[in-house]
Amino acid sequence: MLVLMVRGSRYAVLMAEIRVNRAPFLTLWATVVARRLGHDEDTSLTLGRAVAGLTAQSKGRRLGIYTPSSDEAREALREQRAEAGAETVTMMGCAIPCVQTTEGLRALNKASPIDPATVRKYMLGRFKEQLPLVEGKLVQLAEAVDPAELDRTAMNLYMRLRPQVPKGHEGWGKIGVLNMRTLEELIRGSRGLQTRPRR
């Protein structure tokens, strides 16, 4: 596990006001999803960071914040990845370029393997002491859903859970409040689906 998870009362969870940017929250959620899909801890950290990065790039291009790379730059990147023996892992609707390293599978940032230690540091820096609480609840949600179904619905779940910020340019990079009440409701609802008898 990324950190030691702790359990508090449900009341304490609902009362907790957790303020964070969307990118680290998506990184954490995608890391939890990757673990649920069977990837090891370090691979999951890099996949989580890649999902957040690809999602930010897509939104940034839609908002005109990021300028698309030139055809030459994209072709050069494809060649670099091909030379490194890159493969594609599809998760949460994202096609993630990855490479096998001596330490295991790692998602790529452009043509470089992502260092899982930097992802750990990034999330600890954003969530601080609230990381165990949020991670623990996200693990509960992921474990309450069948892995194949989780992979299919994980991005929709993120859209429901993500911190609320203003739309468009105004909300870009802003800190928002994470809705822990919705997270608790999703956990209970998913558990109910698992225990409901089939007809």
N, C-alpha and C. Protein backbone atom coordinates (compact mmCIF):
# COMPACT_ATOMS: atom_id res chain seq x y z
N MET A 1 0.83 -1.19 0.00
CA MET A 1 0.00 0.00 0.00
C MET A 1 0.88 1.25 0.00
N LEU A 2 0.35 2.32 -0.51
CA LEU A 2 1.09 3.57 -0.56
C LEU A 2 1.41 4.10 0.83
N VAL A 3 0.41 4.11 1.70
CA VAL A 3 0.59 4.58 3.07
C VAL A 3 -0.21 3.68 3.98
N LEU A 4 0.06 3.75 5.27
CA LEU A 4 -0.72 3.00 6.25
C LEU A 4 -2.10 3.61 6.31
N MET A 5 -3.14 2.81 6.06
CA MET A 5 -4.51 3.31 6.08
C MET A 5 -5.05 3.27 7.50
N VAL A 6 -5.82 4.27 7.84
CA VAL A 6 -6.44 4.32 9.16
C VAL A 6 -7.93 4.40 8.99
N ARG A 7 -8.65 3.94 9.99
CA ARG A 7 -10.10 3.97 9.96
C ARG A 7 -10.63 4.91 11.02
N GLY A 8 -11.48 5.83 10.62
CA GLY A 8 -12.13 6.71 11.56
C GLY A 8 -13.61 6.45 11.53
N SER A 9 -14.34 7.13 12.36
CA SER A 9 -15.78 6.97 12.36
C SER A 9 -16.36 7.52 11.07
N ARG A 10 -17.52 6.98 10.67
CA ARG A 10 -18.18 7.48 9.48
C ARG A 10 -18.53 8.94 9.65
N TYR A 11 -18.88 9.34 10.86
CA TYR A 11 -19.21 10.74 11.12
C TYR A 11 -18.00 11.63 10.86
N ALA A 12 -16.83 11.18 11.30
CA ALA A 12 -15.62 11.97 11.09
C ALA A 12 -15.30 12.11 9.62
N VAL A 13 -15.54 11.05 8.84
CA VAL A 13 -15.29 11.10 7.41
C VAL A 13 -16.21 12.13 6.75
N LEU A 14 -17.49 12.11 7.13
CA LEU A 14 -18.44 13.01 6.52
C LEU A 14 -18.15 14.46 6.89
N MET A 15 -17.61 14.67 8.09
CA MET A 15 -17.35 16.02 8.55
C MET A 15 -16.02 16.57 8.02
N ALA A 16 -15.15 15.69 7.55
CA ALA A 16 -13.83 16.13 7.10
C ALA A 16 -13.96 16.99 5.84
N GLU A 17 -13.37 18.17 5.86
CA GLU A 17 -13.31 19.00 4.66
C GLU A 17 -11.93 18.86 4.06
N ILE A 18 -11.88 18.19 2.94
CA ILE A 18 -10.60 17.90 2.30
C ILE A 18 -10.50 18.75 1.05
N ARG A 19 -9.50 19.62 1.02
CA ARG A 19 -9.30 20.56 -0.08
C ARG A 19 -8.07 20.14 -0.87
N VAL A 20 -8.26 19.95 -2.17
CA VAL A 20 -7.16 19.45 -3.00
C VAL A 20 -7.46 19.78 -4.45
N ASN A 21 -6.42 19.82 -5.27
CA ASN A 21 -6.60 19.96 -6.72
C ASN A 21 -7.14 18.67 -7.31
N ARG A 22 -7.70 18.79 -8.50
CA ARG A 22 -8.23 17.60 -9.16
C ARG A 22 -7.12 16.64 -9.60
N ALA A 23 -5.99 17.17 -10.06
CA ALA A 23 -4.94 16.29 -10.59
C ALA A 23 -4.41 15.30 -9.56
N PRO A 24 -4.05 15.71 -8.35
CA PRO A 24 -3.59 14.70 -7.38
C PRO A 24 -4.70 13.74 -6.96
N PHE A 25 -5.95 14.22 -6.94
CA PHE A 25 -7.04 13.30 -6.61
C PHE A 25 -7.19 12.23 -7.69
N LEU A 26 -7.13 12.63 -8.95
CA LEU A 26 -7.22 11.64 -10.03
C LEU A 26 -6.01 10.72 -10.01
N THR A 27 -4.83 11.26 -9.71
CA THR A 27 -3.64 10.41 -9.59
C THR A 27 -3.84 9.33 -8.54
N LEU A 28 -4.35 9.72 -7.38
CA LEU A 28 -4.58 8.75 -6.31
C LEU A 28 -5.64 7.73 -6.69
N TRP A 29 -6.76 8.19 -7.24
CA TRP A 29 -7.84 7.28 -7.62
C TRP A 29 -7.36 6.30 -8.69
N ALA A 30 -6.66 6.79 -9.71
CA ALA A 30 -6.18 5.91 -10.77
C ALA A 30 -5.14 4.92 -10.24
N THR A 31 -4.34 5.33 -9.26
CA THR A 31 -3.40 4.41 -8.62
C THR A 31 -4.14 3.28 -7.91
N VAL A 32 -5.19 3.64 -7.18
CA VAL A 32 -6.00 2.64 -6.49
C VAL A 32 -6.65 1.69 -7.50
N VAL A 33 -7.16 2.24 -8.59
CA VAL A 33 -7.79 1.42 -9.64
C VAL A 33 -6.76 0.46 -10.23
N ALA A 34 -5.58 0.95 -10.53
CA ALA A 34 -4.54 0.10 -11.12
C ALA A 34 -4.19 -1.06 -10.19
N ARG A 35 -4.10 -0.80 -8.90
CA ARG A 35 -3.84 -1.89 -7.95
C ARG A 35 -4.96 -2.91 -7.98
N ARG A 36 -6.19 -2.43 -8.03
CA ARG A 36 -7.35 -3.33 -8.07
C ARG A 36 -7.34 -4.18 -9.34
N LEU A 37 -6.76 -3.64 -10.41
CA LEU A 37 -6.69 -4.38 -11.67
C LEU A 37 -5.51 -5.35 -11.71
N GLY A 38 -4.73 -5.40 -10.63
CA GLY A 38 -3.68 -6.41 -10.54
C GLY A 38 -2.26 -5.93 -10.71
N HIS A 39 -2.05 -4.62 -10.88
CA HIS A 39 -0.69 -4.11 -11.02
C HIS A 39 -0.05 -3.95 -9.66
N ASP A 40 1.28 -4.06 -9.62
CA ASP A 40 1.96 -3.88 -8.34
C ASP A 40 1.98 -2.41 -7.94
N GLU A 41 2.44 -2.14 -6.72
CA GLU A 41 2.37 -0.79 -6.17
C GLU A 41 3.10 0.24 -7.02
N ASP A 42 4.35 -0.03 -7.37
CA ASP A 42 5.12 0.96 -8.11
C ASP A 42 4.57 1.18 -9.52
N THR A 43 4.19 0.11 -10.19
CA THR A 43 3.57 0.27 -11.51
C THR A 43 2.28 1.07 -11.40
N SER A 44 1.49 0.79 -10.38
CA SER A 44 0.22 1.49 -10.20
C SER A 44 0.43 2.98 -10.01
N LEU A 45 1.45 3.34 -9.25
CA LEU A 45 1.74 4.77 -9.04
C LEU A 45 2.03 5.46 -10.37
N THR A 46 2.80 4.82 -11.23
CA THR A 46 3.14 5.45 -12.50
C THR A 46 1.93 5.49 -13.43
N LEU A 47 1.12 4.45 -13.40
CA LEU A 47 -0.10 4.46 -14.22
C LEU A 47 -1.06 5.56 -13.74
N GLY A 48 -1.18 5.71 -12.42
CA GLY A 48 -2.04 6.75 -11.89
C GLY A 48 -1.60 8.13 -12.32
N ARG A 49 -0.30 8.36 -12.27
CA ARG A 49 0.22 9.68 -12.69
C ARG A 49 -0.01 9.89 -14.17
N ALA A 50 0.14 8.84 -14.96
CA ALA A 50 -0.06 8.97 -16.41
C ALA A 50 -1.51 9.27 -16.74
N VAL A 51 -2.45 8.60 -16.08
CA VAL A 51 -3.88 8.88 -16.34
C VAL A 51 -4.19 10.34 -16.04
N ALA A 52 -3.68 10.85 -14.91
CA ALA A 52 -3.93 12.25 -14.57
C ALA A 52 -3.29 13.19 -15.59
N GLY A 53 -2.09 12.85 -16.03
CA GLY A 53 -1.41 13.70 -17.01
C GLY A 53 -2.11 13.73 -18.35
N LEU A 54 -2.52 12.55 -18.84
CA LEU A 54 -3.22 12.49 -20.12
C LEU A 54 -4.56 13.22 -20.06
N THR A 55 -5.26 13.09 -18.92
CA THR A 55 -6.54 13.77 -18.76
C THR A 55 -6.35 15.28 -18.74
N ALA A 56 -5.32 15.76 -18.05
CA ALA A 56 -5.03 17.20 -18.00
C ALA A 56 -4.65 17.73 -19.38
N GLN A 57 -3.86 16.97 -20.12
CA GLN A 57 -3.48 17.40 -21.46
C GLN A 57 -4.69 17.54 -22.36
N SER A 58 -5.59 16.56 -22.28
CA SER A 58 -6.79 16.59 -23.12
C SER A 58 -7.64 17.82 -22.80
N LYS A 59 -7.86 18.07 -21.51
CA LYS A 59 -8.66 19.22 -21.11
C LYS A 59 -7.95 20.52 -21.47
N GLY A 60 -6.64 20.56 -21.25
CA GLY A 60 -5.88 21.76 -21.57
C GLY A 60 -5.95 22.12 -23.04
N ARG A 61 -5.94 21.13 -23.90
CA ARG A 61 -6.07 21.39 -25.34
C ARG A 61 -7.46 21.92 -25.67
N ARG A 62 -8.49 21.32 -25.02
CA ARG A 62 -9.86 21.80 -25.27
C ARG A 62 -10.04 23.25 -24.86
N LEU A 63 -9.38 23.64 -23.77
CA LEU A 63 -9.50 25.01 -23.28
C LEU A 63 -8.55 25.98 -23.97
N GLY A 64 -7.67 25.45 -24.81
CA GLY A 64 -6.70 26.31 -25.49
C GLY A 64 -5.52 26.68 -24.62
N ILE A 65 -5.35 26.01 -23.49
CA ILE A 65 -4.23 26.28 -22.59
C ILE A 65 -2.95 25.65 -23.12
N TYR A 66 -3.08 24.46 -23.67
CA TYR A 66 -1.94 23.76 -24.25
C TYR A 66 -2.02 23.83 -25.77
N THR A 67 -0.87 24.07 -26.38
CA THR A 67 -0.79 24.07 -27.84
C THR A 67 -0.41 22.66 -28.30
N PRO A 68 -1.16 22.09 -29.25
CA PRO A 68 -0.82 20.74 -29.72
C PRO A 68 0.60 20.69 -30.28
N SER A 69 1.26 19.57 -30.05
CA SER A 69 2.62 19.39 -30.58
C SER A 69 2.59 19.35 -32.10
N SER A 70 3.68 19.70 -32.70
CA SER A 70 3.78 19.64 -34.15
C SER A 70 3.83 18.19 -34.61
N ASP A 71 3.55 17.98 -35.90
CA ASP A 71 3.62 16.62 -36.45
C ASP A 71 5.03 16.05 -36.29
N GLU A 72 6.05 16.91 -36.46
CA GLU A 72 7.43 16.45 -36.34
C GLU A 72 7.73 16.00 -34.91
N ALA A 73 7.24 16.78 -33.94
CA ALA A 73 7.50 16.43 -32.54
C ALA A 73 6.80 15.13 -32.16
N ARG A 74 5.58 14.95 -32.65
CA ARG A 74 4.85 13.72 -32.34
C ARG A 74 5.53 12.52 -32.97
N GLU A 75 6.02 12.67 -34.19
CA GLU A 75 6.70 11.57 -34.86
C GLU A 75 8.02 11.23 -34.15
N ALA A 76 8.73 12.24 -33.70
CA ALA A 76 9.99 12.00 -32.97
C ALA A 76 9.72 11.26 -31.67
N LEU A 77 8.63 11.63 -31.00
CA LEU A 77 8.27 10.95 -29.75
C LEU A 77 7.89 9.50 -30.02
N ARG A 78 7.15 9.25 -31.07
CA ARG A 78 6.78 7.87 -31.43
C ARG A 78 8.04 7.04 -31.69
N GLU A 79 9.00 7.62 -32.36
CA GLU A 79 10.24 6.89 -32.66
C GLU A 79 11.02 6.59 -31.38
N GLN A 80 11.08 7.55 -30.46
CA GLN A 80 11.77 7.34 -29.19
C GLN A 80 11.11 6.21 -28.40
N ARG A 81 9.79 6.21 -28.37
CA ARG A 81 9.08 5.16 -27.63
C ARG A 81 9.26 3.80 -28.30
N ALA A 82 9.26 3.79 -29.62
CA ALA A 82 9.45 2.52 -30.32
C ALA A 82 10.85 1.96 -30.05
N GLU A 83 11.85 2.83 -30.03
CA GLU A 83 13.22 2.39 -29.74
C GLU A 83 13.35 1.83 -28.33
N ALA A 84 12.53 2.37 -27.42
CA ALA A 84 12.57 1.89 -26.03
C ALA A 84 11.73 0.64 -25.83
N GLY A 85 11.03 0.18 -26.88
CA GLY A 85 10.20 -1.01 -26.77
C GLY A 85 8.91 -0.76 -26.02
N ALA A 86 8.36 0.43 -26.18
CA ALA A 86 7.15 0.81 -25.45
C ALA A 86 5.97 -0.05 -25.86
N GLU A 87 5.08 -0.30 -24.88
CA GLU A 87 3.82 -0.99 -25.10
C GLU A 87 2.70 -0.13 -24.55
N THR A 88 1.48 -0.47 -24.88
CA THR A 88 0.34 0.33 -24.45
C THR A 88 -0.50 -0.44 -23.45
N VAL A 89 -0.79 0.20 -22.33
CA VAL A 89 -1.71 -0.33 -21.33
C VAL A 89 -2.96 0.54 -21.36
N THR A 90 -4.11 -0.08 -21.56
CA THR A 90 -5.36 0.67 -21.59
C THR A 90 -6.04 0.55 -20.24
N MET A 91 -6.33 1.70 -19.64
CA MET A 91 -6.95 1.73 -18.32
C MET A 91 -7.76 3.01 -18.18
N MET A 92 -8.97 2.89 -17.67
CA MET A 92 -9.84 4.04 -17.45
C MET A 92 -10.05 4.85 -18.73
N GLY A 93 -10.07 4.15 -19.84
CA GLY A 93 -10.30 4.82 -21.12
C GLY A 93 -9.08 5.51 -21.68
N CYS A 94 -7.93 5.37 -21.05
CA CYS A 94 -6.69 6.01 -21.50
C CYS A 94 -5.74 4.98 -22.09
N ALA A 95 -5.12 5.31 -23.20
CA ALA A 95 -4.07 4.48 -23.78
C ALA A 95 -2.74 5.00 -23.24
N ILE A 96 -2.13 4.23 -22.34
CA ILE A 96 -0.97 4.69 -21.59
C ILE A 96 0.29 4.03 -22.14
N PRO A 97 1.23 4.81 -22.67
CA PRO A 97 2.49 4.22 -23.13
C PRO A 97 3.33 3.79 -21.94
N CYS A 98 3.84 2.57 -21.99
CA CYS A 98 4.61 2.01 -20.88
C CYS A 98 5.84 1.31 -21.43
N VAL A 99 6.78 1.06 -20.54
CA VAL A 99 7.98 0.33 -20.92
C VAL A 99 8.39 -0.59 -19.77
N GLN A 100 8.94 -1.74 -20.13
CA GLN A 100 9.48 -2.65 -19.13
C GLN A 100 10.87 -2.17 -18.71
N THR A 101 11.06 -1.98 -17.41
CA THR A 101 12.36 -1.61 -16.88
C THR A 101 12.89 -2.75 -16.01
N THR A 102 14.10 -2.59 -15.49
CA THR A 102 14.64 -3.63 -14.61
C THR A 102 13.85 -3.72 -13.31
N GLU A 103 13.11 -2.65 -12.96
CA GLU A 103 12.28 -2.65 -11.75
C GLU A 103 10.84 -3.06 -12.02
N GLY A 104 10.47 -3.23 -13.29
CA GLY A 104 9.10 -3.60 -13.63
C GLY A 104 8.49 -2.64 -14.64
N LEU A 105 7.20 -2.82 -14.90
CA LEU A 105 6.50 -2.00 -15.88
C LEU A 105 6.35 -0.58 -15.34
N ARG A 106 6.65 0.41 -16.20
CA ARG A 106 6.51 1.81 -15.81
C ARG A 106 5.82 2.58 -16.94
N ALA A 107 4.85 3.41 -16.56
CA ALA A 107 4.26 4.33 -17.52
C ALA A 107 5.28 5.38 -17.91
N LEU A 108 5.10 5.93 -19.10
CA LEU A 108 6.05 6.91 -19.61
C LEU A 108 5.50 8.33 -19.50
N ASN A 109 6.40 9.25 -19.21
CA ASN A 109 6.14 10.68 -19.37
C ASN A 109 6.93 11.09 -20.59
N LYS A 110 6.24 11.30 -21.69
CA LYS A 110 6.88 11.47 -23.00
C LYS A 110 7.63 10.18 -23.31
N ALA A 111 8.98 10.19 -23.23
CA ALA A 111 9.72 8.96 -23.52
C ALA A 111 10.48 8.44 -22.30
N SER A 112 10.22 9.03 -21.14
CA SER A 112 10.95 8.65 -19.93
C SER A 112 10.06 7.91 -18.95
N PRO A 113 10.55 6.82 -18.35
CA PRO A 113 9.75 6.12 -17.33
C PRO A 113 9.48 7.02 -16.13
N ILE A 114 8.26 6.99 -15.64
CA ILE A 114 7.89 7.78 -14.46
C ILE A 114 8.48 7.10 -13.23
N ASP A 115 9.05 7.88 -12.33
CA ASP A 115 9.62 7.37 -11.09
C ASP A 115 8.51 7.29 -10.04
N PRO A 116 8.17 6.09 -9.56
CA PRO A 116 7.09 5.99 -8.57
C PRO A 116 7.36 6.78 -7.30
N ALA A 117 8.63 6.95 -6.93
CA ALA A 117 8.95 7.71 -5.72
C ALA A 117 8.49 9.15 -5.85
N THR A 118 8.59 9.72 -7.05
CA THR A 118 8.15 11.11 -7.24
C THR A 118 6.62 11.21 -7.14
N VAL A 119 5.94 10.15 -7.54
CA VAL A 119 4.47 10.16 -7.44
C VAL A 119 4.06 10.10 -5.98
N ARG A 120 4.73 9.26 -5.19
CA ARG A 120 4.45 9.19 -3.76
C ARG A 120 4.63 10.57 -3.12
N LYS A 121 5.76 11.19 -3.43
CA LYS A 121 6.07 12.50 -2.85
C LYS A 121 5.03 13.54 -3.27
N TYR A 122 4.63 13.48 -4.54
CA TYR A 122 3.63 14.42 -5.06
C TYR A 122 2.31 14.31 -4.29
N MET A 123 1.81 13.11 -4.09
CA MET A 123 0.53 12.94 -3.41
C MET A 123 0.62 13.27 -1.93
N LEU A 124 1.71 12.89 -1.31
CA LEU A 124 1.89 13.25 0.10
C LEU A 124 1.94 14.76 0.27
N GLY A 125 2.56 15.45 -0.68
CA GLY A 125 2.64 16.89 -0.61
C GLY A 125 1.29 17.57 -0.79
N ARG A 126 0.40 16.96 -1.58
CA ARG A 126 -0.90 17.57 -1.85
C ARG A 126 -1.94 17.22 -0.78
N PHE A 127 -1.97 15.96 -0.36
CA PHE A 127 -2.98 15.53 0.62
C PHE A 127 -2.52 15.69 2.06
N LYS A 128 -1.21 15.64 2.26
CA LYS A 128 -0.63 15.72 3.60
C LYS A 128 -1.23 14.66 4.53
N GLU A 129 -1.62 15.06 5.75
CA GLU A 129 -2.09 14.07 6.73
C GLU A 129 -3.43 13.46 6.37
N GLN A 130 -4.12 14.01 5.37
CA GLN A 130 -5.42 13.47 4.99
C GLN A 130 -5.31 12.35 3.96
N LEU A 131 -4.10 12.08 3.47
CA LEU A 131 -3.93 11.03 2.47
C LEU A 131 -4.42 9.66 2.94
N PRO A 132 -4.08 9.21 4.17
CA PRO A 132 -4.56 7.88 4.58
C PRO A 132 -6.08 7.77 4.58
N LEU A 133 -6.77 8.83 5.01
CA LEU A 133 -8.23 8.80 5.03
C LEU A 133 -8.81 8.67 3.63
N VAL A 134 -8.34 9.52 2.71
CA VAL A 134 -8.88 9.51 1.35
C VAL A 134 -8.53 8.21 0.64
N GLU A 135 -7.28 7.78 0.76
CA GLU A 135 -6.87 6.54 0.10
C GLU A 135 -7.66 5.35 0.64
N GLY A 136 -7.83 5.31 1.95
CA GLY A 136 -8.56 4.20 2.54
C GLY A 136 -9.98 4.10 2.01
N LYS A 137 -10.65 5.23 1.88
CA LYS A 137 -12.02 5.23 1.36
C LYS A 137 -12.06 4.86 -0.12
N LEU A 138 -11.09 5.33 -0.89
CA LEU A 138 -11.05 4.96 -2.31
C LEU A 138 -10.77 3.48 -2.49
N VAL A 139 -9.94 2.91 -1.63
CA VAL A 139 -9.69 1.46 -1.67
C VAL A 139 -10.98 0.70 -1.38
N GLN A 140 -11.75 1.15 -0.39
CA GLN A 140 -13.03 0.51 -0.09
C GLN A 140 -13.95 0.54 -1.30
N LEU A 141 -13.99 1.67 -1.98
CA LEU A 141 -14.85 1.77 -3.17
C LEU A 141 -14.36 0.83 -4.27
N ALA A 142 -13.06 0.82 -4.53
CA ALA A 142 -12.52 -0.03 -5.59
C ALA A 142 -12.75 -1.51 -5.30
N GLU A 143 -12.61 -1.90 -4.04
CA GLU A 143 -12.78 -3.30 -3.68
C GLU A 143 -14.24 -3.74 -3.68
N ALA A 144 -15.15 -2.77 -3.68
CA ALA A 144 -16.57 -3.10 -3.72
C ALA A 144 -17.09 -3.30 -5.14
N VAL A 145 -16.21 -3.11 -6.13
CA VAL A 145 -16.62 -3.21 -7.54
C VAL A 145 -15.78 -4.28 -8.22
N ASP A 146 -16.42 -5.09 -9.07
CA ASP A 146 -15.69 -6.08 -9.85
C ASP A 146 -14.62 -5.39 -10.69
N PRO A 147 -13.41 -5.95 -10.79
CA PRO A 147 -12.33 -5.25 -11.51
C PRO A 147 -12.69 -4.82 -12.93
N ALA A 148 -13.31 -5.69 -13.71
CA ALA A 148 -13.66 -5.31 -15.08
C ALA A 148 -14.66 -4.16 -15.10
N GLU A 149 -15.63 -4.21 -14.20
CA GLU A 149 -16.61 -3.14 -14.10
C GLU A 149 -15.95 -1.86 -13.61
N LEU A 150 -15.01 -1.98 -12.70
CA LEU A 150 -14.30 -0.81 -12.19
C LEU A 150 -13.54 -0.12 -13.30
N ASP A 151 -12.84 -0.88 -14.11
CA ASP A 151 -12.08 -0.29 -15.21
C ASP A 151 -13.02 0.46 -16.16
N ARG A 152 -14.19 -0.09 -16.36
CA ARG A 152 -15.16 0.53 -17.29
C ARG A 152 -15.77 1.80 -16.71
N THR A 153 -15.97 1.84 -15.40
CA THR A 153 -16.70 2.95 -14.80
C THR A 153 -15.83 3.90 -13.98
N ALA A 154 -14.54 3.61 -13.85
CA ALA A 154 -13.69 4.38 -12.93
C ALA A 154 -13.64 5.87 -13.28
N MET A 155 -13.62 6.21 -14.56
CA MET A 155 -13.57 7.63 -14.92
C MET A 155 -14.89 8.32 -14.59
N ASN A 156 -16.00 7.63 -14.78
CA ASN A 156 -17.29 8.21 -14.40
C ASN A 156 -17.36 8.42 -12.89
N LEU A 157 -16.82 7.47 -12.13
CA LEU A 157 -16.79 7.62 -10.68
C LEU A 157 -15.93 8.83 -10.29
N TYR A 158 -14.82 8.99 -10.98
CA TYR A 158 -13.98 10.17 -10.72
C TYR A 158 -14.76 11.46 -10.96
N MET A 159 -15.53 11.50 -12.05
CA MET A 159 -16.30 12.70 -12.37
C MET A 159 -17.31 13.03 -11.26
N ARG A 160 -17.81 12.01 -10.60
CA ARG A 160 -18.76 12.23 -9.51
C ARG A 160 -18.07 12.66 -8.22
N LEU A 161 -16.83 12.22 -8.05
CA LEU A 161 -16.13 12.45 -6.79
C LEU A 161 -15.18 13.65 -6.81
N ARG A 162 -14.76 14.08 -7.97
CA ARG A 162 -13.68 15.07 -8.07
C ARG A 162 -14.01 16.36 -7.31
N PRO A 163 -13.00 17.04 -6.80
CA PRO A 163 -13.21 18.31 -6.10
C PRO A 163 -13.94 19.30 -7.00
N GLN A 164 -14.84 20.05 -6.41
CA GLN A 164 -15.65 20.99 -7.17
C GLN A 164 -14.93 22.32 -7.32
N VAL A 165 -14.71 22.73 -8.58
CA VAL A 165 -14.07 24.01 -8.89
C VAL A 165 -14.88 24.68 -10.00
N PRO A 166 -14.68 25.99 -10.23
CA PRO A 166 -15.40 26.65 -11.33
C PRO A 166 -15.08 25.99 -12.67
N LYS A 167 -15.99 26.10 -13.61
CA LYS A 167 -15.81 25.49 -14.92
C LYS A 167 -14.82 26.31 -15.77
N GLY A 168 -14.24 25.61 -16.76
CA GLY A 168 -13.41 26.28 -17.75
C GLY A 168 -12.12 26.83 -17.21
N HIS A 169 -11.64 27.92 -17.84
CA HIS A 169 -10.36 28.51 -17.47
C HIS A 169 -10.32 28.93 -16.01
N GLU A 170 -11.45 29.41 -15.50
CA GLU A 170 -11.48 29.92 -14.13
C GLU A 170 -11.11 28.85 -13.11
N GLY A 171 -11.48 27.61 -13.39
CA GLY A 171 -11.21 26.55 -12.43
C GLY A 171 -9.91 25.81 -12.66
N TRP A 172 -9.17 26.16 -13.73
CA TRP A 172 -7.95 25.42 -14.07
C TRP A 172 -6.92 25.52 -12.94
N GLY A 173 -6.52 24.38 -12.40
CA GLY A 173 -5.50 24.34 -11.37
C GLY A 173 -5.95 24.78 -9.99
N LYS A 174 -7.25 25.05 -9.83
CA LYS A 174 -7.74 25.54 -8.55
C LYS A 174 -7.97 24.39 -7.57
N ILE A 175 -7.90 24.74 -6.28
CA ILE A 175 -8.19 23.79 -5.22
C ILE A 175 -9.69 23.77 -4.96
N GLY A 176 -10.25 22.58 -4.77
CA GLY A 176 -11.67 22.44 -4.47
C GLY A 176 -11.88 21.51 -3.29
N VAL A 177 -13.12 21.41 -2.86
CA VAL A 177 -13.48 20.55 -1.74
C VAL A 177 -13.92 19.19 -2.25
N LEU A 178 -13.31 18.14 -1.70
CA LEU A 178 -13.67 16.77 -2.06
C LEU A 178 -14.93 16.36 -1.31
N ASN A 179 -15.90 15.82 -2.04
CA ASN A 179 -17.19 15.47 -1.44
C ASN A 179 -17.11 14.08 -0.82
N MET A 180 -16.79 14.00 0.46
CA MET A 180 -16.66 12.72 1.14
C MET A 180 -18.01 12.05 1.36
N ARG A 181 -19.07 12.83 1.44
CA ARG A 181 -20.40 12.24 1.60
C ARG A 181 -20.77 11.41 0.36
N THR A 182 -20.50 11.95 -0.83
CA THR A 182 -20.77 11.20 -2.05
C THR A 182 -19.92 9.93 -2.09
N LEU A 183 -18.67 10.02 -1.65
CA LEU A 183 -17.81 8.84 -1.63
C LEU A 183 -18.38 7.77 -0.72
N GLU A 184 -18.84 8.14 0.46
CA GLU A 184 -19.46 7.18 1.37
C GLU A 184 -20.70 6.54 0.74
N GLU A 185 -21.50 7.34 0.06
CA GLU A 185 -22.72 6.81 -0.57
C GLU A 185 -22.38 5.83 -1.68
N LEU A 186 -21.34 6.12 -2.45
CA LEU A 186 -20.94 5.21 -3.53
C LEU A 186 -20.41 3.90 -2.97
N ILE A 187 -19.68 3.96 -1.87
CA ILE A 187 -19.18 2.73 -1.24
C ILE A 187 -20.35 1.86 -0.79
N ARG A 188 -21.31 2.46 -0.10
CA ARG A 188 -22.45 1.70 0.38
C ARG A 188 -23.27 1.15 -0.78
N GLY A 189 -23.46 1.95 -1.82
CA GLY A 189 -24.22 1.49 -2.98
C GLY A 189 -23.56 0.35 -3.70
N SER A 190 -22.23 0.42 -3.85
CA SER A 190 -21.50 -0.65 -4.54
C SER A 190 -21.51 -1.93 -3.74
N ARG A 191 -21.40 -1.82 -2.42
CA ARG A 191 -21.48 -3.02 -1.59
C ARG A 191 -22.85 -3.66 -1.68
N GLY A 192 -23.87 -2.83 -1.77
CA GLY A 192 -25.22 -3.34 -1.88
C GLY A 192 -25.43 -4.13 -3.16
N LEU A 193 -24.80 -3.67 -4.26
CA LEU A 193 -24.89 -4.39 -5.52
C LEU A 193 -24.20 -5.74 -5.43
N GLN A 194 -23.09 -5.80 -4.68
CA GLN A 194 -22.37 -7.06 -4.55
C GLN A 194 -23.14 -8.09 -3.76
N THR A 195 -23.86 -7.63 -2.74
CA THR A 195 -24.56 -8.57 -1.85
C THR A 195 -25.97 -8.86 -2.31
N ARG A 196 -26.47 -8.12 -3.31
CA ARG A 196 -27.84 -8.34 -3.75
C ARG A 196 -27.96 -9.70 -4.44
N PRO A 197 -28.92 -10.54 -4.06
CA PRO A 197 -29.03 -11.87 -4.68
C PRO A 197 -29.44 -11.76 -6.14
N ARG A 198 -28.87 -12.65 -6.96
CA ARG A 198 -29.22 -12.69 -8.38
C ARG A 198 -30.55 -13.41 -8.58
N ARG A 199 -31.29 -12.95 -9.59
CA ARG A 199 -32.57 -13.58 -9.88
C ARG A 199 -32.50 -14.41 -11.15
